[in-house]
Amino acid sequence: MEKEGSIISLNSSPNGKLMVDLVQKYSLRVANFHNSCEGKWTRIQPSKDGSMKKSVLDYVLLQQTLFDKLINLLIDRKRFFAHTG
């Protein structure tokens, strides 16, 4: 049960490429692409050219057995559960 567009871009940052390698090496699943996942972008902010810069900072990587049991995942961009310390 994965959303369309669930392939991590190979044109991502060097750290993104490392994550792709990790996911492939250990046969992991990216829970962010599960149909039950709400939200996508962790951070959205305006850039100098007026466009919106979007970043995914929070990834959840699971083994297949846990991925199959996933009920809900929330990417909390609106900071409902933000740490206040």
PDB file of N, CA and C in Angstrom:
ATOM      1  N   MET A   1       0.834  -1.188   0.000  1.00  0.00           N
ATOM      2  CA  MET A   1       0.000   0.000   0.000  1.00  0.00           C
ATOM      3  C   MET A   1       0.876   1.248   0.000  1.00  0.00           C
ATOM      4  N   GLU A   2       1.294   1.651  -1.163  1.00  0.00           N
ATOM      5  CA  GLU A   2       2.131   2.827  -1.247  1.00  0.00           C
ATOM      6  C   GLU A   2       1.513   3.849  -2.187  1.00  0.00           C
ATOM      7  N   LYS A   3       1.783   5.113  -1.888  1.00  0.00           N
ATOM      8  CA  LYS A   3       1.305   6.205  -2.721  1.00  0.00           C
ATOM      9  C   LYS A   3       2.093   6.243  -4.022  1.00  0.00           C
ATOM     10  N   GLU A   4       1.499   6.864  -5.024  1.00  0.00           N
ATOM     11  CA  GLU A   4       2.232   7.095  -6.255  1.00  0.00           C
ATOM     12  C   GLU A   4       3.398   8.021  -5.954  1.00  0.00           C
ATOM     13  N   GLY A   5       4.453   7.900  -6.725  1.00  0.00           N
ATOM     14  CA  GLY A   5       5.608   8.753  -6.518  1.00  0.00           C
ATOM     15  C   GLY A   5       6.440   8.315  -5.337  1.00  0.00           C
ATOM     16  N   SER A   6       6.414   7.024  -5.038  1.00  0.00           N
ATOM     17  CA  SER A   6       7.101   6.547  -3.854  1.00  0.00           C
ATOM     18  C   SER A   6       8.574   6.243  -4.082  1.00  0.00           C
ATOM     19  N   ILE A   7       9.063   6.498  -5.265  1.00  0.00           N
ATOM     20  CA  ILE A   7      10.478   6.286  -5.533  1.00  0.00           C
ATOM     21  C   ILE A   7      11.248   7.517  -5.054  1.00  0.00           C
ATOM     22  N   ILE A   8      12.235   7.292  -4.219  1.00  0.00           N
ATOM     23  CA  ILE A   8      13.060   8.401  -3.750  1.00  0.00           C
ATOM     24  C   ILE A   8      13.904   8.865  -4.920  1.00  0.00           C
ATOM     25  N   SER A   9      13.927  10.148  -5.152  1.00  0.00           N
ATOM     26  CA  SER A   9      14.638  10.704  -6.294  1.00  0.00           C
ATOM     27  C   SER A   9      16.133  10.416  -6.215  1.00  0.00           C
ATOM     28  N   LEU A  10      16.681   9.923  -7.290  1.00  0.00           N
ATOM     29  CA  LEU A  10      18.119   9.701  -7.350  1.00  0.00           C
ATOM     30  C   LEU A  10      18.862  11.011  -7.572  1.00  0.00           C
ATOM     31  N   ASN A  11      18.136  12.093  -7.818  1.00  0.00           N
ATOM     32  CA  ASN A  11      18.742  13.408  -7.983  1.00  0.00           C
ATOM     33  C   ASN A  11      18.761  14.180  -6.672  1.00  0.00           C
ATOM     34  N   SER A  12      18.622  13.487  -5.573  1.00  0.00           N
ATOM     35  CA  SER A  12      18.564  14.142  -4.274  1.00  0.00           C
ATOM     36  C   SER A  12      19.968  14.518  -3.809  1.00  0.00           C
ATOM     37  N   SER A  13      20.041  15.033  -2.612  1.00  0.00           N
ATOM     38  CA  SER A  13      21.317  15.440  -2.021  1.00  0.00           C
ATOM     39  C   SER A  13      22.201  14.218  -1.785  1.00  0.00           C
ATOM     40  N   PRO A  14      23.476  14.432  -1.474  1.00  0.00           N
ATOM     41  CA  PRO A  14      24.349  13.289  -1.145  1.00  0.00           C
ATOM     42  C   PRO A  14      23.795  12.458   0.014  1.00  0.00           C
ATOM     43  N   ASN A  15      23.198  13.117   1.004  1.00  0.00           N
ATOM     44  CA  ASN A  15      22.602  12.371   2.112  1.00  0.00           C
ATOM     45  C   ASN A  15      21.389  11.574   1.647  1.00  0.00           C
ATOM     46  N   GLY A  16      20.624  12.124   0.711  1.00  0.00           N
ATOM     47  CA  GLY A  16      19.498  11.392   0.142  1.00  0.00           C
ATOM     48  C   GLY A  16      19.959  10.144  -0.584  1.00  0.00           C
ATOM     49  N   LYS A  17      21.061  10.256  -1.300  1.00  0.00           N
ATOM     50  CA  LYS A  17      21.607   9.092  -2.007  1.00  0.00           C
ATOM     51  C   LYS A  17      22.063   8.023  -1.017  1.00  0.00           C
ATOM     52  N   LEU A  18      22.647   8.456   0.116  1.00  0.00           N
ATOM     53  CA  LEU A  18      23.037   7.501   1.157  1.00  0.00           C
ATOM     54  C   LEU A  18      21.809   6.765   1.702  1.00  0.00           C
ATOM     55  N   MET A  19      20.711   7.504   1.865  1.00  0.00           N
ATOM     56  CA  MET A  19      19.500   6.874   2.366  1.00  0.00           C
ATOM     57  C   MET A  19      18.950   5.868   1.361  1.00  0.00           C
ATOM     58  N   VAL A  20      18.982   6.210   0.088  1.00  0.00           N
ATOM     59  CA  VAL A  20      18.524   5.272  -0.950  1.00  0.00           C
ATOM     60  C   VAL A  20      19.354   3.993  -0.883  1.00  0.00           C
ATOM     61  N   ASP A  21      20.662   4.145  -0.743  1.00  0.00           N
ATOM     62  CA  ASP A  21      21.535   2.972  -0.637  1.00  0.00           C
ATOM     63  C   ASP A  21      21.191   2.129   0.585  1.00  0.00           C
ATOM     64  N   LEU A  22      20.935   2.783   1.716  1.00  0.00           N
ATOM     65  CA  LEU A  22      20.578   2.085   2.946  1.00  0.00           C
ATOM     66  C   LEU A  22      19.273   1.312   2.781  1.00  0.00           C
ATOM     67  N   VAL A  23      18.278   1.961   2.194  1.00  0.00           N
ATOM     68  CA  VAL A  23      16.973   1.332   1.972  1.00  0.00           C
ATOM     69  C   VAL A  23      17.132   0.106   1.076  1.00  0.00           C
ATOM     70  N   GLN A  24      17.919   0.234   0.034  1.00  0.00           N
ATOM     71  CA  GLN A  24      18.098  -0.881  -0.897  1.00  0.00           C
ATOM     72  C   GLN A  24      18.930  -2.003  -0.275  1.00  0.00           C
ATOM     73  N   LYS A  25      20.001  -1.644   0.417  1.00  0.00           N
ATOM     74  CA  LYS A  25      20.899  -2.651   0.999  1.00  0.00           C
ATOM     75  C   LYS A  25      20.180  -3.538   2.011  1.00  0.00           C
ATOM     76  N   TYR A  26      19.319  -2.944   2.836  1.00  0.00           N
ATOM     77  CA  TYR A  26      18.660  -3.688   3.899  1.00  0.00           C
ATOM     78  C   TYR A  26      17.189  -4.002   3.606  1.00  0.00           C
ATOM     79  N   SER A  27      16.777  -3.805   2.374  1.00  0.00           N
ATOM     80  CA  SER A  27      15.395  -4.098   1.945  1.00  0.00           C
ATOM     81  C   SER A  27      14.378  -3.428   2.861  1.00  0.00           C
ATOM     82  N   LEU A  28      14.587  -2.153   3.136  1.00  0.00           N
ATOM     83  CA  LEU A  28      13.687  -1.402   3.997  1.00  0.00           C
ATOM     84  C   LEU A  28      12.582  -0.758   3.180  1.00  0.00           C
ATOM     85  N   ARG A  29      11.548  -0.341   3.859  1.00  0.00           N
ATOM     86  CA  ARG A  29      10.441   0.377   3.232  1.00  0.00           C
ATOM     87  C   ARG A  29      10.370   1.757   3.855  1.00  0.00           C
ATOM     88  N   VAL A  30      10.052   2.749   3.068  1.00  0.00           N
ATOM     89  CA  VAL A  30       9.916   4.121   3.547  1.00  0.00           C
ATOM     90  C   VAL A  30       8.449   4.337   3.909  1.00  0.00           C
ATOM     91  N   ALA A  31       8.174   4.425   5.203  1.00  0.00           N
ATOM     92  CA  ALA A  31       6.793   4.535   5.675  1.00  0.00           C
ATOM     93  C   ALA A  31       6.135   5.832   5.226  1.00  0.00           C
ATOM     94  N   ASN A  32       6.920   6.838   4.887  1.00  0.00           N
ATOM     95  CA  ASN A  32       6.365   8.100   4.400  1.00  0.00           C
ATOM     96  C   ASN A  32       5.542   7.904   3.132  1.00  0.00           C
ATOM     97  N   PHE A  33       5.752   6.797   2.428  1.00  0.00           N
ATOM     98  CA  PHE A  33       5.030   6.533   1.187  1.00  0.00           C
ATOM     99  C   PHE A  33       3.839   5.605   1.398  1.00  0.00           C
ATOM    100  N   HIS A  34       3.583   5.212   2.624  1.00  0.00           N
ATOM    101  CA  HIS A  34       2.428   4.363   2.936  1.00  0.00           C
ATOM    102  C   HIS A  34       1.148   5.193   2.768  1.00  0.00           C
ATOM    103  N   ASN A  35       0.088   4.558   2.344  1.00  0.00           N
ATOM    104  CA  ASN A  35      -1.185   5.272   2.137  1.00  0.00           C
ATOM    105  C   ASN A  35      -1.707   5.946   3.390  1.00  0.00           C
ATOM    106  N   SER A  36      -1.344   5.456   4.564  1.00  0.00           N
ATOM    107  CA  SER A  36      -1.853   6.039   5.808  1.00  0.00           C
ATOM    108  C   SER A  36      -1.054   7.255   6.268  1.00  0.00           C
ATOM    109  N   CYS A  37       0.010   7.588   5.586  1.00  0.00           N
ATOM    110  CA  CYS A  37       0.851   8.715   6.005  1.00  0.00           C
ATOM    111  C   CYS A  37       0.170  10.043   5.665  1.00  0.00           C
ATOM    112  N   GLU A  38       0.061  10.905   6.680  1.00  0.00           N
ATOM    113  CA  GLU A  38      -0.486  12.248   6.493  1.00  0.00           C
ATOM    114  C   GLU A  38       0.672  13.235   6.474  1.00  0.00           C
ATOM    115  N   GLY A  39       0.707  14.068   5.456  1.00  0.00           N
ATOM    116  CA  GLY A  39       1.775  15.054   5.337  1.00  0.00           C
ATOM    117  C   GLY A  39       2.944  14.501   4.546  1.00  0.00           C
ATOM    118  N   LYS A  40       3.740  15.398   4.031  1.00  0.00           N
ATOM    119  CA  LYS A  40       4.905  14.986   3.263  1.00  0.00           C
ATOM    120  C   LYS A  40       6.107  15.837   3.634  1.00  0.00           C
ATOM    121  N   TRP A  41       5.926  17.117   3.587  1.00  0.00           N
ATOM    122  CA  TRP A  41       7.034  18.049   3.798  1.00  0.00           C
ATOM    123  C   TRP A  41       7.177  18.380   5.274  1.00  0.00           C
ATOM    124  N   THR A  42       8.395  18.304   5.777  1.00  0.00           N
ATOM    125  CA  THR A  42       8.667  18.684   7.160  1.00  0.00           C
ATOM    126  C   THR A  42       8.796  20.193   7.272  1.00  0.00           C
ATOM    127  N   ARG A  43       9.397  20.778   6.259  1.00  0.00           N
ATOM    128  CA  ARG A  43       9.628  22.225   6.300  1.00  0.00           C
ATOM    129  C   ARG A  43       9.314  22.817   4.933  1.00  0.00           C
ATOM    130  N   ILE A  44       8.570  23.909   4.936  1.00  0.00           N
ATOM    131  CA  ILE A  44       8.287  24.670   3.719  1.00  0.00           C
ATOM    132  C   ILE A  44       8.579  26.122   4.042  1.00  0.00           C
ATOM    133  N   GLN A  45       9.488  26.706   3.287  1.00  0.00           N
ATOM    134  CA  GLN A  45       9.832  28.102   3.547  1.00  0.00           C
ATOM    135  C   GLN A  45      10.137  28.821   2.239  1.00  0.00           C
ATOM    136  N   PRO A  46       9.870  30.132   2.185  1.00  0.00           N
ATOM    137  CA  PRO A  46      10.147  30.880   0.967  1.00  0.00           C
ATOM    138  C   PRO A  46      11.657  31.010   0.734  1.00  0.00           C
ATOM    139  N   SER A  47      12.043  30.932  -0.524  1.00  0.00           N
ATOM    140  CA  SER A  47      13.446  31.142  -0.866  1.00  0.00           C
ATOM    141  C   SER A  47      13.616  32.547  -1.430  1.00  0.00           C
ATOM    142  N   LYS A  48      14.848  32.924  -1.666  1.00  0.00           N
ATOM    143  CA  LYS A  48      15.144  34.292  -2.116  1.00  0.00           C
ATOM    144  C   LYS A  48      14.520  34.626  -3.466  1.00  0.00           C
ATOM    145  N   ASP A  49      14.328  33.607  -4.307  1.00  0.00           N
ATOM    146  CA  ASP A  49      13.760  33.860  -5.634  1.00  0.00           C
ATOM    147  C   ASP A  49      12.228  33.890  -5.622  1.00  0.00           C
ATOM    148  N   GLY A  50      11.626  33.771  -4.440  1.00  0.00           N
ATOM    149  CA  GLY A  50      10.175  33.841  -4.325  1.00  0.00           C
ATOM    150  C   GLY A  50       9.471  32.498  -4.387  1.00  0.00           C
ATOM    151  N   SER A  51      10.192  31.464  -4.755  1.00  0.00           N
ATOM    152  CA  SER A  51       9.585  30.132  -4.777  1.00  0.00           C
ATOM    153  C   SER A  51       9.579  29.552  -3.357  1.00  0.00           C
ATOM    154  N   MET A  52       8.915  28.439  -3.201  1.00  0.00           N
ATOM    155  CA  MET A  52       8.859  27.787  -1.898  1.00  0.00           C
ATOM    156  C   MET A  52       9.862  26.640  -1.867  1.00  0.00           C
ATOM    157  N   LYS A  53      10.727  26.643  -0.868  1.00  0.00           N
ATOM    158  CA  LYS A  53      11.702  25.570  -0.699  1.00  0.00           C
ATOM    159  C   LYS A  53      11.087  24.522   0.225  1.00  0.00           C
ATOM    160  N   LYS A  54      10.977  23.289  -0.276  1.00  0.00           N
ATOM    161  CA  LYS A  54      10.334  22.211   0.477  1.00  0.00           C
ATOM    162  C   LYS A  54      11.375  21.159   0.836  1.00  0.00           C
ATOM    163  N   SER A  55      11.325  20.709   2.087  1.00  0.00           N
ATOM    164  CA  SER A  55      12.281  19.713   2.565  1.00  0.00           C
ATOM    165  C   SER A  55      11.569  18.609   3.327  1.00  0.00           C
ATOM    166  N   VAL A  56      12.000  17.384   3.074  1.00  0.00           N
ATOM    167  CA  VAL A  56      11.558  16.246   3.874  1.00  0.00           C
ATOM    168  C   VAL A  56      12.724  15.923   4.798  1.00  0.00           C
ATOM    169  N   LEU A  57      12.539  16.155   6.089  1.00  0.00           N
ATOM    170  CA  LEU A  57      13.586  15.912   7.075  1.00  0.00           C
ATOM    171  C   LEU A  57      13.313  14.664   7.891  1.00  0.00           C
ATOM    172  N   ASP A  58      12.069  14.265   7.959  1.00  0.00           N
ATOM    173  CA  ASP A  58      11.666  13.145   8.801  1.00  0.00           C
ATOM    174  C   ASP A  58      11.270  11.950   7.941  1.00  0.00           C
ATOM    175  N   TYR A  59      12.110  10.938   7.945  1.00  0.00           N
ATOM    176  CA  TYR A  59      11.795   9.694   7.248  1.00  0.00           C
ATOM    177  C   TYR A  59      11.650   8.581   8.272  1.00  0.00           C
ATOM    178  N   VAL A  60      10.716   7.688   8.031  1.00  0.00           N
ATOM    179  CA  VAL A  60      10.532   6.519   8.872  1.00  0.00           C
ATOM    180  C   VAL A  60      10.829   5.303   8.003  1.00  0.00           C
ATOM    181  N   LEU A  61      11.863   4.561   8.384  1.00  0.00           N
ATOM    182  CA  LEU A  61      12.276   3.376   7.636  1.00  0.00           C
ATOM    183  C   LEU A  61      11.897   2.138   8.443  1.00  0.00           C
ATOM    184  N   LEU A  62      11.231   1.198   7.782  1.00  0.00           N
ATOM    185  CA  LEU A  62      10.733   0.003   8.461  1.00  0.00           C
ATOM    186  C   LEU A  62      11.069  -1.253   7.672  1.00  0.00           C
ATOM    187  N   GLN A  63      11.173  -2.365   8.398  1.00  0.00           N
ATOM    188  CA  GLN A  63      11.233  -3.660   7.734  1.00  0.00           C
ATOM    189  C   GLN A  63       9.853  -3.953   7.167  1.00  0.00           C
ATOM    190  N   GLN A  64       9.787  -4.827   6.186  1.00  0.00           N
ATOM    191  CA  GLN A  64       8.523  -5.142   5.518  1.00  0.00           C
ATOM    192  C   GLN A  64       7.445  -5.591   6.500  1.00  0.00           C
ATOM    193  N   THR A  65       7.799  -6.416   7.485  1.00  0.00           N
ATOM    194  CA  THR A  65       6.787  -6.931   8.422  1.00  0.00           C
ATOM    195  C   THR A  65       6.139  -5.801   9.217  1.00  0.00           C
ATOM    196  N   LEU A  66       6.911  -4.805   9.615  1.00  0.00           N
ATOM    197  CA  LEU A  66       6.346  -3.662  10.338  1.00  0.00           C
ATOM    198  C   LEU A  66       5.590  -2.737   9.403  1.00  0.00           C
ATOM    199  N   PHE A  67       6.093  -2.559   8.195  1.00  0.00           N
ATOM    200  CA  PHE A  67       5.433  -1.726   7.196  1.00  0.00           C
ATOM    201  C   PHE A  67       4.018  -2.237   6.932  1.00  0.00           C
ATOM    202  N   ASP A  68       3.877  -3.563   6.864  1.00  0.00           N
ATOM    203  CA  ASP A  68       2.564  -4.172   6.608  1.00  0.00           C
ATOM    204  C   ASP A  68       1.584  -3.940   7.756  1.00  0.00           C
ATOM    205  N   LYS A  69       2.090  -3.670   8.953  1.00  0.00           N
ATOM    206  CA  LYS A  69       1.239  -3.469  10.129  1.00  0.00           C
ATOM    207  C   LYS A  69       1.011  -1.996  10.451  1.00  0.00           C
ATOM    208  N   LEU A  70       1.587  -1.117   9.681  1.00  0.00           N
ATOM    209  CA  LEU A  70       1.468   0.321   9.940  1.00  0.00           C
ATOM    210  C   LEU A  70       0.012   0.768   9.823  1.00  0.00           C
ATOM    211  N   ILE A  71      -0.444   1.493  10.827  1.00  0.00           N
ATOM    212  CA  ILE A  71      -1.822   1.972  10.847  1.00  0.00           C
ATOM    213  C   ILE A  71      -1.897   3.449  10.475  1.00  0.00           C
ATOM    214  N   ASN A  72      -1.001   4.254  11.028  1.00  0.00           N
ATOM    215  CA  ASN A  72      -1.059   5.693  10.789  1.00  0.00           C
ATOM    216  C   ASN A  72       0.314   6.302  10.999  1.00  0.00           C
ATOM    217  N   LEU A  73       0.642   7.300  10.205  1.00  0.00           N
ATOM    218  CA  LEU A  73       1.885   8.048  10.355  1.00  0.00           C
ATOM    219  C   LEU A  73       1.574   9.503  10.050  1.00  0.00           C
ATOM    220  N   LEU A  74       1.976  10.402  10.935  1.00  0.00           N
ATOM    221  CA  LEU A  74       1.733  11.828  10.761  1.00  0.00           C
ATOM    222  C   LEU A  74       3.056  12.561  10.676  1.00  0.00           C
ATOM    223  N   ILE A  75       3.285  13.267   9.579  1.00  0.00           N
ATOM    224  CA  ILE A  75       4.422  14.178   9.454  1.00  0.00           C
ATOM    225  C   ILE A  75       3.909  15.517   9.961  1.00  0.00           C
ATOM    226  N   ASP A  76       4.389  15.925  11.122  1.00  0.00           N
ATOM    227  CA  ASP A  76       3.811  17.035  11.876  1.00  0.00           C
ATOM    228  C   ASP A  76       4.373  18.394  11.442  1.00  0.00           C
ATOM    229  N   ARG A  77       4.083  18.803  10.215  1.00  0.00           N
ATOM    230  CA  ARG A  77       4.569  20.079   9.694  1.00  0.00           C
ATOM    231  C   ARG A  77       3.972  21.267  10.430  1.00  0.00           C
ATOM    232  N   LYS A  78       2.770  21.103  10.946  1.00  0.00           N
ATOM    233  CA  LYS A  78       2.108  22.215  11.638  1.00  0.00           C
ATOM    234  C   LYS A  78       2.544  22.330  13.099  1.00  0.00           C
ATOM    235  N   ARG A  79       3.435  21.452  13.520  1.00  0.00           N
ATOM    236  CA  ARG A  79       4.062  21.492  14.851  1.00  0.00           C
ATOM    237  C   ARG A  79       3.060  21.379  15.996  1.00  0.00           C
ATOM    238  N   PHE A  80       2.086  20.487  15.837  1.00  0.00           N
ATOM    239  CA  PHE A  80       1.144  20.213  16.919  1.00  0.00           C
ATOM    240  C   PHE A  80       1.861  19.588  18.104  1.00  0.00           C
ATOM    241  N   PHE A  81       2.911  18.806  17.804  1.00  0.00           N
ATOM    242  CA  PHE A  81       3.622  18.073  18.837  1.00  0.00           C
ATOM    243  C   PHE A  81       5.068  18.557  18.967  1.00  0.00           C
ATOM    244  N   ALA A  82       5.292  19.838  18.732  1.00  0.00           N
ATOM    245  CA  ALA A  82       6.641  20.402  18.773  1.00  0.00           C
ATOM    246  C   ALA A  82       7.211  20.364  20.182  1.00  0.00           C
ATOM    247  N   HIS A  83       8.497  20.117  20.243  1.00  0.00           N
ATOM    248  CA  HIS A  83       9.200  20.115  21.531  1.00  0.00           C
ATOM    249  C   HIS A  83       9.290  21.558  22.032  1.00  0.00           C
ATOM    250  N   THR A  84       8.881  21.783  23.242  1.00  0.00           N
ATOM    251  CA  THR A  84       8.995  23.111  23.844  1.00  0.00           C
ATOM    252  C   THR A  84       9.800  22.974  25.114  1.00  0.00           C
ATOM    253  N   GLY A  85      11.029  23.377  25.063  1.00  0.00           N
ATOM    254  CA  GLY A  85      11.869  23.138  26.209  1.00  0.00           C
ATOM    255  C   GLY A  85      12.552  24.312  26.651  1.00  0.00           C
TER     256      GLY A  85
END
